[in-house]
Amino acid sequence: MMDASRPLDALNKARNKRVIVELKNNIQISGELKAFDIHINCVLDNAEERQNGEVKRKLGTVFIRGDTIILLCPSE
């Protein structure tokens, strides 16, 4: 478990690591967290859309709006 006193600290610890992002429309994207801002807008590299644990399609570099995210977790 990450030791972070603030939510953005936890995101900072996940930078350059693989994360799983679940969106409001039930799409799940995994990739390397490269950047984020205070609105939790995120940039992921080597991103893949996943469905039922399997890769549905490779997306490359993506920008995800923070207001569409319901879950973001490190997938170490």
C-alpha atoms as a PDB file:
ATOM      1  CA  MET A   1       0.000   0.000   0.000  1.00  0.00           C
ATOM      2  CA  MET A   2       1.275   3.462  -0.837  1.00  0.00           C
ATOM      3  CA  ASP A   3       2.136   5.792   1.984  1.00  0.00           C
ATOM      4  CA  ALA A   4       0.857   9.170   0.852  1.00  0.00           C
ATOM      5  CA  SER A   5      -0.667  11.872   2.970  1.00  0.00           C
ATOM      6  CA  ARG A   6      -2.407  13.569   0.034  1.00  0.00           C
ATOM      7  CA  PRO A   7      -4.026  12.159  -3.135  1.00  0.00           C
ATOM      8  CA  LEU A   8      -1.573  13.934  -5.458  1.00  0.00           C
ATOM      9  CA  ASP A   9       1.312  12.392  -3.478  1.00  0.00           C
ATOM     10  CA  ALA A  10      -0.023   8.952  -4.374  1.00  0.00           C
ATOM     11  CA  LEU A  11      -0.181   9.936  -8.039  1.00  0.00           C
ATOM     12  CA  ASN A  12       3.375  11.277  -7.876  1.00  0.00           C
ATOM     13  CA  LYS A  13       4.563   7.898  -6.572  1.00  0.00           C
ATOM     14  CA  ALA A  14       2.792   6.199  -9.478  1.00  0.00           C
ATOM     15  CA  ARG A  15       4.469   8.421 -12.104  1.00  0.00           C
ATOM     16  CA  ASN A  16       6.368   6.397 -14.734  1.00  0.00           C
ATOM     17  CA  LYS A  17       4.747   3.210 -13.440  1.00  0.00           C
ATOM     18  CA  ARG A  18       1.981   1.146 -14.979  1.00  0.00           C
ATOM     19  CA  VAL A  19      -1.513   2.111 -13.809  1.00  0.00           C
ATOM     20  CA  ILE A  20      -5.043   0.944 -14.505  1.00  0.00           C
ATOM     21  CA  VAL A  21      -7.633   3.648 -15.129  1.00  0.00           C
ATOM     22  CA  GLU A  22     -11.340   2.841 -15.047  1.00  0.00           C
ATOM     23  CA  LEU A  23     -13.648   5.349 -16.729  1.00  0.00           C
ATOM     24  CA  LYS A  24     -17.304   6.250 -16.127  1.00  0.00           C
ATOM     25  CA  ASN A  25     -18.295   4.465 -19.353  1.00  0.00           C
ATOM     26  CA  ASN A  26     -16.804   1.182 -17.992  1.00  0.00           C
ATOM     27  CA  ILE A  27     -13.772   1.326 -20.284  1.00  0.00           C
ATOM     28  CA  GLN A  28     -10.538   0.243 -18.625  1.00  0.00           C
ATOM     29  CA  ILE A  29      -7.202   1.599 -19.842  1.00  0.00           C
ATOM     30  CA  SER A  30      -3.771   0.570 -18.629  1.00  0.00           C
ATOM     31  CA  GLY A  31      -0.506   2.344 -19.357  1.00  0.00           C
ATOM     32  CA  GLU A  32       2.475   4.204 -17.912  1.00  0.00           C
ATOM     33  CA  LEU A  33       1.429   7.336 -16.033  1.00  0.00           C
ATOM     34  CA  LYS A  34       3.566  10.121 -17.518  1.00  0.00           C
ATOM     35  CA  ALA A  35       1.846  13.316 -16.346  1.00  0.00           C
ATOM     36  CA  PHE A  36      -1.198  14.622 -14.476  1.00  0.00           C
ATOM     37  CA  ASP A  37      -2.555  17.906 -13.143  1.00  0.00           C
ATOM     38  CA  ILE A  38      -4.702  19.032 -10.216  1.00  0.00           C
ATOM     39  CA  HIS A  39      -7.858  17.995 -12.118  1.00  0.00           C
ATOM     40  CA  ILE A  40      -6.400  14.466 -12.467  1.00  0.00           C
ATOM     41  CA  ASN A  41      -6.217  14.899 -16.234  1.00  0.00           C
ATOM     42  CA  CYS A  42      -3.681  12.205 -17.126  1.00  0.00           C
ATOM     43  CA  VAL A  43      -1.288  11.306 -19.909  1.00  0.00           C
ATOM     44  CA  LEU A  44      -0.502   7.600 -20.312  1.00  0.00           C
ATOM     45  CA  ASP A  45       2.148   6.072 -22.593  1.00  0.00           C
ATOM     46  CA  ASN A  46       1.914   2.585 -24.105  1.00  0.00           C
ATOM     47  CA  ALA A  47      -1.791   2.621 -23.268  1.00  0.00           C
ATOM     48  CA  GLU A  48      -4.076  -0.312 -23.963  1.00  0.00           C
ATOM     49  CA  GLU A  49      -7.831  -0.590 -23.735  1.00  0.00           C
ATOM     50  CA  ARG A  50      -8.744  -3.696 -21.778  1.00  0.00           C
ATOM     51  CA  GLN A  51     -11.942  -5.688 -21.583  1.00  0.00           C
ATOM     52  CA  ASN A  52     -12.381  -8.665 -19.246  1.00  0.00           C
ATOM     53  CA  GLY A  53      -8.656  -8.548 -18.472  1.00  0.00           C
ATOM     54  CA  GLU A  54      -7.602  -8.912 -22.122  1.00  0.00           C
ATOM     55  CA  VAL A  55      -6.174  -6.279 -24.465  1.00  0.00           C
ATOM     56  CA  LYS A  56      -8.894  -5.034 -26.802  1.00  0.00           C
ATOM     57  CA  ARG A  57      -6.720  -2.513 -28.663  1.00  0.00           C
ATOM     58  CA  LYS A  58      -3.405  -0.698 -28.343  1.00  0.00           C
ATOM     59  CA  LEU A  59      -3.743   3.084 -28.064  1.00  0.00           C
ATOM     60  CA  GLY A  60      -0.186   4.408 -27.654  1.00  0.00           C
ATOM     61  CA  THR A  61      -0.069   7.802 -25.903  1.00  0.00           C
ATOM     62  CA  VAL A  62      -3.428   9.023 -24.577  1.00  0.00           C
ATOM     63  CA  PHE A  63      -4.801  12.013 -22.690  1.00  0.00           C
ATOM     64  CA  ILE A  64      -7.630  11.184 -20.280  1.00  0.00           C
ATOM     65  CA  ARG A  65      -9.841  13.895 -18.812  1.00  0.00           C
ATOM     66  CA  GLY A  66      -9.920  13.717 -15.043  1.00  0.00           C
ATOM     67  CA  ASP A  67     -13.711  14.096 -14.817  1.00  0.00           C
ATOM     68  CA  THR A  68     -14.166  10.795 -16.711  1.00  0.00           C
ATOM     69  CA  ILE A  69     -12.042   8.768 -14.247  1.00  0.00           C
ATOM     70  CA  ILE A  70     -13.673   6.791 -11.446  1.00  0.00           C
ATOM     71  CA  LEU A  71     -10.623   4.728 -10.439  1.00  0.00           C
ATOM     72  CA  LEU A  72      -6.873   4.970 -10.928  1.00  0.00           C
ATOM     73  CA  CYS A  73      -4.588   2.400  -9.357  1.00  0.00           C
ATOM     74  CA  PRO A  74      -0.998   1.233  -9.734  1.00  0.00           C
ATOM     75  CA  SER A  75      -0.892  -2.213 -11.324  1.00  0.00           C
ATOM     76  CA  GLU A  76       2.487  -3.337  -9.928  1.00  0.00           C
END
